[in-house]
Amino acid sequence: MNGKKLYLSPIMDLYNGEIISYNLATHPQPSMVQAMLTDVLKQLSKDEHPILHSDSNNAGISFYHHSVCCLTRLV
C-alpha cells in the first residue's frame, strides 16, 4: 500500500476454512490482535468453546492470549 507493508492478523475456522475475524494494521502490535480477538468473542454463542492456536513467539501477545483464554471460554 503506497510502498508500505500491511500486517494481517486473521482467525480461521479450521472446520470450514472460513476467516471469521481479522485485523489489518501498518505495524505488527498487540492491539491488532486484541481487536481481532474482541471481535471474534462477540460472535460466539455461550455454548461454543473454540480452541485458539497461535504460533506467535511474541511474549506480549502470548501473555494477552493467555489472559483472554483464562477470562473467556476460549481453550
N, C-alpha and C. Protein backbone atom coordinates (compact mmCIF):
# COMPACT_ATOMS: atom_id res chain seq x y z
N MET A 1 0.85 -1.17 0.00
CA MET A 1 0.00 0.00 0.00
C MET A 1 0.90 1.23 0.00
N ASN A 2 1.03 1.86 -1.11
CA ASN A 2 1.90 3.04 -1.28
C ASN A 2 3.31 2.78 -0.78
N GLY A 3 3.84 1.58 -1.05
CA GLY A 3 5.19 1.23 -0.64
C GLY A 3 5.33 0.82 0.80
N LYS A 4 4.23 0.72 1.54
CA LYS A 4 4.28 0.32 2.95
C LYS A 4 3.77 -1.10 3.10
N LYS A 5 4.23 -1.76 4.15
CA LYS A 5 3.75 -3.10 4.46
C LYS A 5 2.46 -3.01 5.26
N LEU A 6 1.60 -4.00 5.05
CA LEU A 6 0.41 -4.16 5.86
C LEU A 6 0.50 -5.51 6.55
N TYR A 7 0.05 -5.58 7.77
CA TYR A 7 0.11 -6.80 8.57
C TYR A 7 -1.30 -7.31 8.80
N LEU A 8 -1.52 -8.57 8.48
CA LEU A 8 -2.82 -9.19 8.60
C LEU A 8 -2.81 -10.17 9.76
N SER A 9 -3.80 -10.06 10.63
CA SER A 9 -3.96 -10.97 11.75
C SER A 9 -5.35 -11.61 11.63
N PRO A 10 -5.43 -12.83 11.06
CA PRO A 10 -6.73 -13.46 10.86
C PRO A 10 -7.02 -14.56 11.89
N ILE A 11 -8.30 -14.86 12.06
CA ILE A 11 -8.71 -16.07 12.78
C ILE A 11 -9.50 -16.90 11.78
N MET A 12 -9.04 -18.13 11.58
CA MET A 12 -9.68 -19.03 10.62
C MET A 12 -10.40 -20.16 11.35
N ASP A 13 -11.60 -20.44 10.92
CA ASP A 13 -12.33 -21.61 11.40
C ASP A 13 -11.73 -22.81 10.68
N LEU A 14 -11.03 -23.67 11.42
CA LEU A 14 -10.35 -24.79 10.78
C LEU A 14 -11.30 -25.88 10.32
N TYR A 15 -12.55 -25.81 10.73
CA TYR A 15 -13.55 -26.77 10.26
C TYR A 15 -13.90 -26.53 8.80
N ASN A 16 -14.12 -25.27 8.45
CA ASN A 16 -14.54 -24.98 7.07
C ASN A 16 -13.61 -24.00 6.33
N GLY A 17 -12.54 -23.55 6.97
CA GLY A 17 -11.58 -22.66 6.32
C GLY A 17 -12.01 -21.21 6.22
N GLU A 18 -13.14 -20.87 6.83
CA GLU A 18 -13.67 -19.51 6.77
C GLU A 18 -12.88 -18.58 7.70
N ILE A 19 -12.56 -17.39 7.23
CA ILE A 19 -11.96 -16.35 8.08
C ILE A 19 -13.11 -15.71 8.85
N ILE A 20 -13.11 -15.87 10.18
CA ILE A 20 -14.23 -15.36 10.98
C ILE A 20 -13.92 -14.01 11.62
N SER A 21 -12.66 -13.64 11.64
CA SER A 21 -12.27 -12.32 12.15
C SER A 21 -10.88 -12.00 11.61
N TYR A 22 -10.62 -10.73 11.43
CA TYR A 22 -9.28 -10.32 11.03
C TYR A 22 -9.06 -8.87 11.40
N ASN A 23 -7.80 -8.49 11.42
CA ASN A 23 -7.45 -7.10 11.64
C ASN A 23 -6.27 -6.79 10.75
N LEU A 24 -6.24 -5.62 10.19
CA LEU A 24 -5.19 -5.17 9.29
C LEU A 24 -4.57 -3.92 9.88
N ALA A 25 -3.24 -3.87 9.92
CA ALA A 25 -2.56 -2.72 10.51
C ALA A 25 -1.25 -2.45 9.76
N THR A 26 -0.72 -1.26 9.97
CA THR A 26 0.55 -0.90 9.33
C THR A 26 1.75 -1.32 10.15
N HIS A 27 1.53 -1.72 11.39
CA HIS A 27 2.61 -2.20 12.26
C HIS A 27 2.12 -3.42 13.02
N PRO A 28 2.99 -4.43 13.20
CA PRO A 28 2.58 -5.59 13.99
C PRO A 28 2.62 -5.22 15.48
N GLN A 29 1.48 -5.14 16.10
CA GLN A 29 1.44 -4.75 17.50
C GLN A 29 0.31 -5.50 18.20
N PRO A 30 0.42 -5.68 19.51
CA PRO A 30 -0.60 -6.43 20.26
C PRO A 30 -2.01 -5.89 20.10
N SER A 31 -2.17 -4.59 19.88
CA SER A 31 -3.53 -4.02 19.78
C SER A 31 -4.30 -4.59 18.60
N MET A 32 -3.61 -4.94 17.51
CA MET A 32 -4.33 -5.51 16.37
C MET A 32 -4.84 -6.91 16.70
N VAL A 33 -4.09 -7.66 17.48
CA VAL A 33 -4.53 -8.99 17.92
C VAL A 33 -5.67 -8.85 18.92
N GLN A 34 -5.56 -7.90 19.81
CA GLN A 34 -6.61 -7.67 20.81
C GLN A 34 -7.93 -7.33 20.13
N ALA A 35 -7.89 -6.46 19.13
CA ALA A 35 -9.11 -6.07 18.42
C ALA A 35 -9.72 -7.27 17.70
N MET A 36 -8.89 -8.10 17.10
CA MET A 36 -9.37 -9.27 16.39
C MET A 36 -10.02 -10.26 17.35
N LEU A 37 -9.41 -10.50 18.50
CA LEU A 37 -9.97 -11.42 19.49
C LEU A 37 -11.27 -10.88 20.08
N THR A 38 -11.32 -9.59 20.34
CA THR A 38 -12.54 -8.97 20.86
C THR A 38 -13.69 -9.16 19.87
N ASP A 39 -13.39 -8.98 18.60
CA ASP A 39 -14.41 -9.14 17.56
C ASP A 39 -14.92 -10.58 17.51
N VAL A 40 -14.03 -11.55 17.55
CA VAL A 40 -14.47 -12.94 17.44
C VAL A 40 -15.22 -13.39 18.68
N LEU A 41 -14.88 -12.87 19.85
CA LEU A 41 -15.59 -13.24 21.07
C LEU A 41 -17.04 -12.78 21.03
N LYS A 42 -17.31 -11.65 20.38
CA LYS A 42 -18.68 -11.15 20.25
C LYS A 42 -19.53 -12.06 19.36
N GLN A 43 -18.89 -12.81 18.48
CA GLN A 43 -19.60 -13.66 17.54
C GLN A 43 -19.98 -15.02 18.12
N LEU A 44 -19.34 -15.41 19.22
CA LEU A 44 -19.54 -16.75 19.77
C LEU A 44 -20.83 -16.84 20.59
N SER A 45 -21.48 -17.97 20.48
CA SER A 45 -22.63 -18.22 21.36
C SER A 45 -22.10 -18.79 22.68
N LYS A 46 -22.93 -18.80 23.70
CA LYS A 46 -22.49 -19.23 25.03
C LYS A 46 -22.09 -20.70 25.07
N ASP A 47 -22.59 -21.51 24.15
CA ASP A 47 -22.26 -22.93 24.16
C ASP A 47 -21.05 -23.26 23.28
N GLU A 48 -20.43 -22.28 22.65
CA GLU A 48 -19.24 -22.52 21.84
C GLU A 48 -17.99 -22.34 22.69
N HIS A 49 -17.06 -23.28 22.55
CA HIS A 49 -15.79 -23.26 23.28
C HIS A 49 -14.65 -23.56 22.31
N PRO A 50 -14.29 -22.59 21.49
CA PRO A 50 -13.28 -22.84 20.46
C PRO A 50 -11.87 -22.96 21.05
N ILE A 51 -11.01 -23.54 20.25
CA ILE A 51 -9.60 -23.65 20.61
C ILE A 51 -8.85 -22.57 19.84
N LEU A 52 -8.05 -21.80 20.54
CA LEU A 52 -7.26 -20.74 19.92
C LEU A 52 -5.82 -21.23 19.79
N HIS A 53 -5.33 -21.30 18.56
CA HIS A 53 -3.95 -21.69 18.32
C HIS A 53 -3.20 -20.48 17.80
N SER A 54 -2.06 -20.22 18.40
CA SER A 54 -1.22 -19.12 17.94
C SER A 54 0.20 -19.62 17.81
N ASP A 55 0.85 -19.28 16.71
CA ASP A 55 2.25 -19.64 16.56
C ASP A 55 3.15 -18.45 16.90
N SER A 56 2.58 -17.46 17.56
CA SER A 56 3.33 -16.26 17.90
C SER A 56 4.38 -16.55 18.97
N ASN A 57 5.56 -16.02 18.79
CA ASN A 57 6.62 -16.11 19.79
C ASN A 57 6.79 -14.80 20.54
N ASN A 58 5.92 -13.84 20.27
CA ASN A 58 5.99 -12.55 20.94
C ASN A 58 5.41 -12.68 22.34
N ALA A 59 6.23 -12.41 23.35
CA ALA A 59 5.81 -12.60 24.74
C ALA A 59 4.60 -11.74 25.10
N GLY A 60 4.53 -10.52 24.62
CA GLY A 60 3.40 -9.65 24.94
C GLY A 60 2.10 -10.16 24.37
N ILE A 61 2.14 -10.61 23.15
CA ILE A 61 0.94 -11.16 22.52
C ILE A 61 0.58 -12.48 23.17
N SER A 62 1.57 -13.32 23.47
CA SER A 62 1.30 -14.60 24.11
C SER A 62 0.67 -14.40 25.48
N PHE A 63 1.15 -13.43 26.24
CA PHE A 63 0.56 -13.14 27.56
C PHE A 63 -0.88 -12.69 27.39
N TYR A 64 -1.13 -11.86 26.40
CA TYR A 64 -2.50 -11.41 26.15
C TYR A 64 -3.39 -12.58 25.77
N HIS A 65 -2.93 -13.44 24.88
CA HIS A 65 -3.70 -14.62 24.50
C HIS A 65 -4.04 -15.45 25.74
N HIS A 66 -3.05 -15.67 26.59
CA HIS A 66 -3.27 -16.46 27.81
C HIS A 66 -4.32 -15.79 28.69
N SER A 67 -4.23 -14.50 28.86
CA SER A 67 -5.19 -13.77 29.70
C SER A 67 -6.60 -13.87 29.15
N VAL A 68 -6.74 -13.69 27.84
CA VAL A 68 -8.06 -13.77 27.21
C VAL A 68 -8.63 -15.18 27.38
N CYS A 69 -7.81 -16.17 27.18
CA CYS A 69 -8.29 -17.55 27.32
C CYS A 69 -8.74 -17.85 28.74
N CYS A 70 -8.06 -17.31 29.72
CA CYS A 70 -8.43 -17.53 31.12
C CYS A 70 -9.74 -16.83 31.47
N LEU A 71 -10.00 -15.68 30.87
CA LEU A 71 -11.17 -14.88 31.21
C LEU A 71 -12.40 -15.18 30.35
N THR A 72 -12.22 -15.95 29.31
CA THR A 72 -13.34 -16.24 28.40
C THR A 72 -13.49 -17.74 28.23
N ARG A 73 -14.26 -18.12 27.25
CA ARG A 73 -14.49 -19.54 27.00
C ARG A 73 -13.56 -20.11 25.92
N LEU A 74 -12.49 -19.40 25.61
CA LEU A 74 -11.51 -19.94 24.67
C LEU A 74 -10.64 -20.96 25.37
N VAL A 75 -10.32 -22.03 24.69
CA VAL A 75 -9.45 -23.07 25.24
C VAL A 75 -8.09 -22.91 24.62
